[in-house]
Protein backbone atom coordinates (compact mmCIF):
# COMPACT_ATOMS: atom_id res chain seq x y z
CA MET A 1 -237.20 -69.29 203.58
CA SER A 2 -237.83 -72.02 201.04
CA LYS A 3 -235.51 -70.70 198.35
CA VAL A 4 -231.83 -70.52 199.30
CA VAL A 5 -230.11 -67.41 198.05
CA SER A 6 -226.40 -67.90 197.39
CA ARG A 7 -223.88 -65.88 199.41
CA ALA A 8 -221.99 -65.26 196.17
CA SER A 9 -222.30 -61.79 194.71
CA VAL A 10 -225.29 -61.42 192.40
CA GLU A 11 -224.95 -58.79 189.71
CA GLY A 12 -227.56 -57.24 187.48
CA ILE A 13 -228.06 -54.09 185.48
CA VAL A 14 -230.34 -51.08 185.80
CA ALA A 15 -232.48 -51.18 182.64
CA ALA A 16 -234.46 -47.98 183.24
CA VAL A 17 -235.25 -45.35 185.88
CA ALA A 18 -238.46 -43.37 186.41
CA ALA A 19 -239.90 -40.77 188.80
CA ASP A 20 -243.02 -38.63 189.05
CA ARG A 21 -243.96 -35.78 191.39
CA GLY A 22 -247.63 -36.76 191.14
CA HIS A 23 -249.42 -39.83 192.50
CA ARG A 24 -250.11 -41.38 189.10
CA PHE A 25 -250.02 -45.10 188.38
CA SER A 26 -247.29 -44.98 185.73
CA LYS A 27 -244.08 -42.97 186.02
CA PRO A 28 -242.26 -41.27 183.12
CA LEU A 29 -238.79 -42.55 182.29
CA ARG A 30 -235.84 -40.32 183.16
CA ASP A 31 -232.22 -40.16 182.03
CA HIS A 32 -231.23 -40.51 185.69
CA ILE A 33 -232.71 -40.26 189.18
CA LEU A 34 -231.14 -39.04 192.41
CA LEU A 35 -231.57 -41.22 195.50
CA VAL A 36 -231.45 -39.33 198.80
CA ASP A 37 -230.43 -41.19 201.97
CA GLY A 38 -233.44 -41.83 204.22
CA VAL A 39 -235.82 -39.99 201.89
CA GLY A 40 -236.16 -41.75 198.54
CA ILE A 41 -235.99 -40.39 195.03
CA GLU A 42 -235.67 -36.64 194.65
CA GLY A 43 -238.79 -35.27 192.99
CA ASP A 44 -240.86 -38.46 193.34
CA ALA A 45 -244.29 -38.52 195.01
CA HIS A 46 -243.22 -41.38 197.30
CA ALA A 47 -240.12 -39.62 198.69
CA GLY A 48 -240.19 -38.78 202.37
CA GLU A 49 -239.22 -39.98 205.82
CA PHE A 50 -242.84 -40.85 206.63
CA VAL A 51 -245.26 -42.96 204.61
CA ARG A 52 -246.39 -41.34 201.34
CA HIS A 53 -248.70 -44.12 200.13
CA ARG A 54 -252.02 -42.26 199.91
CA TYR A 55 -254.16 -44.88 201.69
CA LEU A 56 -251.68 -45.46 204.53
CA ALA A 57 -250.75 -41.78 204.92
CA ARG A 58 -254.39 -40.83 205.56
CA ARG A 59 -254.68 -43.37 208.37
CA HIS A 60 -251.18 -43.39 209.87
CA PRO A 61 -249.24 -40.34 208.65
CA ARG A 62 -246.27 -40.87 211.02
CA LEU A 63 -245.46 -44.43 209.94
CA PRO A 64 -241.91 -44.80 208.63
CA ASN A 65 -241.78 -44.81 204.84
CA LEU A 66 -240.79 -48.34 203.83
CA ARG A 67 -241.82 -47.62 200.21
CA GLN A 68 -239.27 -44.98 199.20
CA VAL A 69 -238.15 -46.91 196.10
CA HIS A 70 -240.01 -49.44 193.93
CA LEU A 71 -237.93 -51.89 191.87
CA ILE A 72 -239.24 -54.32 189.25
CA PRO A 73 -237.33 -57.01 187.35
CA SER A 74 -237.64 -56.46 183.58
CA GLU A 75 -238.20 -60.20 183.25
CA LEU A 76 -241.75 -59.58 184.51
CA PHE A 77 -242.55 -57.75 181.26
CA ALA A 78 -241.79 -60.89 179.20
CA THR A 79 -243.97 -62.99 181.53
CA VAL A 80 -247.00 -60.72 181.23
CA ARG A 81 -246.40 -60.29 177.49
CA GLU A 82 -247.03 -64.05 177.14
CA ALA A 83 -250.47 -63.41 178.69
CA GLY A 84 -251.16 -60.62 176.17
CA TYR A 85 -250.06 -57.53 178.13
CA ASP A 86 -247.55 -55.21 176.49
CA ILE A 87 -245.98 -53.44 179.49
CA GLY A 88 -242.70 -51.56 179.66
CA PRO A 89 -240.47 -49.80 182.19
CA GLY A 90 -242.18 -47.23 184.41
CA GLN A 91 -245.69 -48.31 183.45
CA LEU A 92 -246.31 -50.26 186.69
CA GLY A 93 -245.15 -47.32 188.80
CA GLU A 94 -241.64 -48.56 189.49
CA ASN A 95 -238.68 -46.27 189.91
CA ILE A 96 -235.99 -48.74 188.91
CA THR A 97 -236.25 -51.57 186.39
CA THR A 98 -233.51 -54.20 186.68
CA VAL A 99 -232.20 -57.02 184.49
CA GLY A 100 -230.79 -60.23 185.93
CA LEU A 101 -232.02 -59.97 189.54
CA ASP A 102 -234.69 -62.27 191.01
CA LEU A 103 -235.90 -59.43 193.21
CA GLU A 104 -239.00 -61.04 194.73
CA ASN A 105 -236.97 -64.00 196.03
CA LEU A 106 -234.34 -61.90 197.80
CA PRO A 107 -234.57 -61.85 201.61
CA LEU A 108 -235.67 -59.00 203.83
CA GLY A 109 -232.80 -56.60 204.50
CA THR A 110 -230.98 -57.31 201.23
CA ARG A 111 -229.06 -54.25 200.07
CA ILE A 112 -228.68 -53.45 196.40
CA GLU A 113 -225.84 -51.22 195.27
CA LEU A 114 -227.01 -49.10 192.34
CA GLY A 115 -224.58 -47.11 190.26
CA PRO A 116 -221.44 -45.69 191.84
CA THR A 117 -222.78 -44.84 195.33
CA ALA A 118 -226.50 -45.50 195.92
CA ILE A 119 -227.76 -48.34 198.14
CA VAL A 120 -231.37 -49.47 198.59
CA GLU A 121 -232.35 -51.86 201.41
CA LEU A 122 -235.32 -54.11 200.61
CA THR A 123 -238.28 -53.82 202.99
CA GLY A 124 -241.02 -55.85 201.28
CA LEU A 125 -242.93 -57.07 198.26
CA ARG A 126 -245.10 -54.60 196.41
CA THR A 127 -248.69 -55.61 197.01
CA PRO A 128 -250.73 -55.28 193.81
CA CYS A 129 -253.80 -53.09 194.21
CA VAL A 130 -256.96 -52.49 192.20
CA LEU A 131 -255.15 -49.79 190.21
CA ILE A 132 -253.29 -52.51 188.28
CA ASP A 133 -256.59 -53.75 186.83
CA ARG A 134 -257.66 -50.17 186.10
CA PHE A 135 -254.39 -49.78 184.17
CA ARG A 136 -254.89 -53.06 182.24
CA THR A 137 -257.97 -55.20 182.92
CA GLY A 138 -256.99 -58.63 184.28
CA LEU A 139 -253.33 -57.75 184.87
CA LYS A 140 -253.56 -58.20 188.65
CA LYS A 141 -254.23 -61.92 188.16
CA GLN A 142 -250.91 -62.17 186.31
CA VAL A 143 -248.88 -60.73 189.20
CA VAL A 144 -250.51 -62.64 192.08
CA SER A 145 -248.82 -66.02 192.56
CA SER A 146 -250.86 -69.16 193.07
CA ALA A 147 -247.77 -71.20 194.00
CA LYS A 148 -247.62 -72.63 197.52
CA THR A 149 -243.95 -71.68 197.82
CA GLY A 150 -242.19 -68.52 196.78
CA PRO A 151 -243.34 -64.92 196.87
CA ALA A 152 -247.08 -64.16 196.95
CA PHE A 153 -246.70 -61.34 194.43
CA LYS A 154 -244.64 -60.86 191.29
CA CYS A 155 -244.78 -57.10 190.79
CA GLY A 156 -241.53 -55.94 192.31
CA VAL A 157 -240.08 -55.01 195.66
CA LEU A 158 -239.94 -51.91 197.83
CA GLY A 159 -237.05 -50.45 199.75
CA VAL A 160 -235.51 -47.54 201.58
CA VAL A 161 -232.47 -45.53 200.54
CA ARG A 162 -229.45 -46.26 202.78
CA ALA A 163 -226.90 -44.33 200.69
CA GLY A 164 -227.66 -41.63 198.16
CA GLY A 165 -226.43 -41.12 194.66
CA GLN A 166 -227.37 -40.83 191.02
CA VAL A 167 -228.69 -43.91 189.19
CA ALA A 168 -229.16 -44.29 185.43
CA ALA A 169 -229.93 -47.00 182.90
CA GLY A 170 -226.83 -49.10 182.29
CA ASP A 171 -225.56 -48.81 185.88
CA HIS A 172 -224.67 -51.95 187.81
CA ALA A 173 -227.03 -53.42 190.41
CA ARG A 174 -225.17 -55.62 192.91
CA VAL A 175 -226.93 -57.63 195.61
CA MET A 176 -225.53 -57.75 199.14
CA LEU A 177 -227.36 -60.34 201.25
CA PRO A 178 -228.01 -59.78 204.96
CA ASP A 179 -226.01 -61.72 207.54
CA GLY A 180 -227.68 -64.37 209.68
CA HIS A 181 -231.10 -65.93 209.26
CA GLN A 182 -232.83 -64.88 206.05
CA LYS A 183 -236.52 -63.93 206.20
CA ARG A 184 -238.85 -63.76 203.25
CA LEU A 185 -239.92 -60.28 202.16
CA PRO A 186 -243.30 -59.36 203.69
CA ALA A 187 -246.11 -57.88 201.60
CA LEU A 188 -246.29 -54.09 201.92
């Protein structure tokens, strides 16, 4: 991994939470969401033990669901705003918007404590699809990195729920790095 992530505790904040029963691009904001161990977010279209991503589920319905939770750093909104895109929490389909965490540069297997009891383990980078450009023309170009080092995409990370619990805006988000050799998050 080219970027070294410190072993010191990294703390951030949950800025917003969102969930939607339907497979729509954007998700409505909620006062709180409930994470369910091994399943995802109660009442969200991507919750389930097996893959819920529509394209993957049609081809391989028994694949493990590595996309139970989608997290985006709120700092992305400022970056795309500079390019003329006014985007806010939930609009890119994320469940949890954070402040103060460099999510895309965290290693595979990182666990993030959210609120009093929930834990999400990172499984990969969210791969931007054509739906981003259908949402806002040209936006995909803003979230695909041209840098030779660092993450290939800048549109959040995906994870699985390792401990359940309620999460709301204002809750803490504390990073727990994996032991041993750190691997870059793969594209999912």
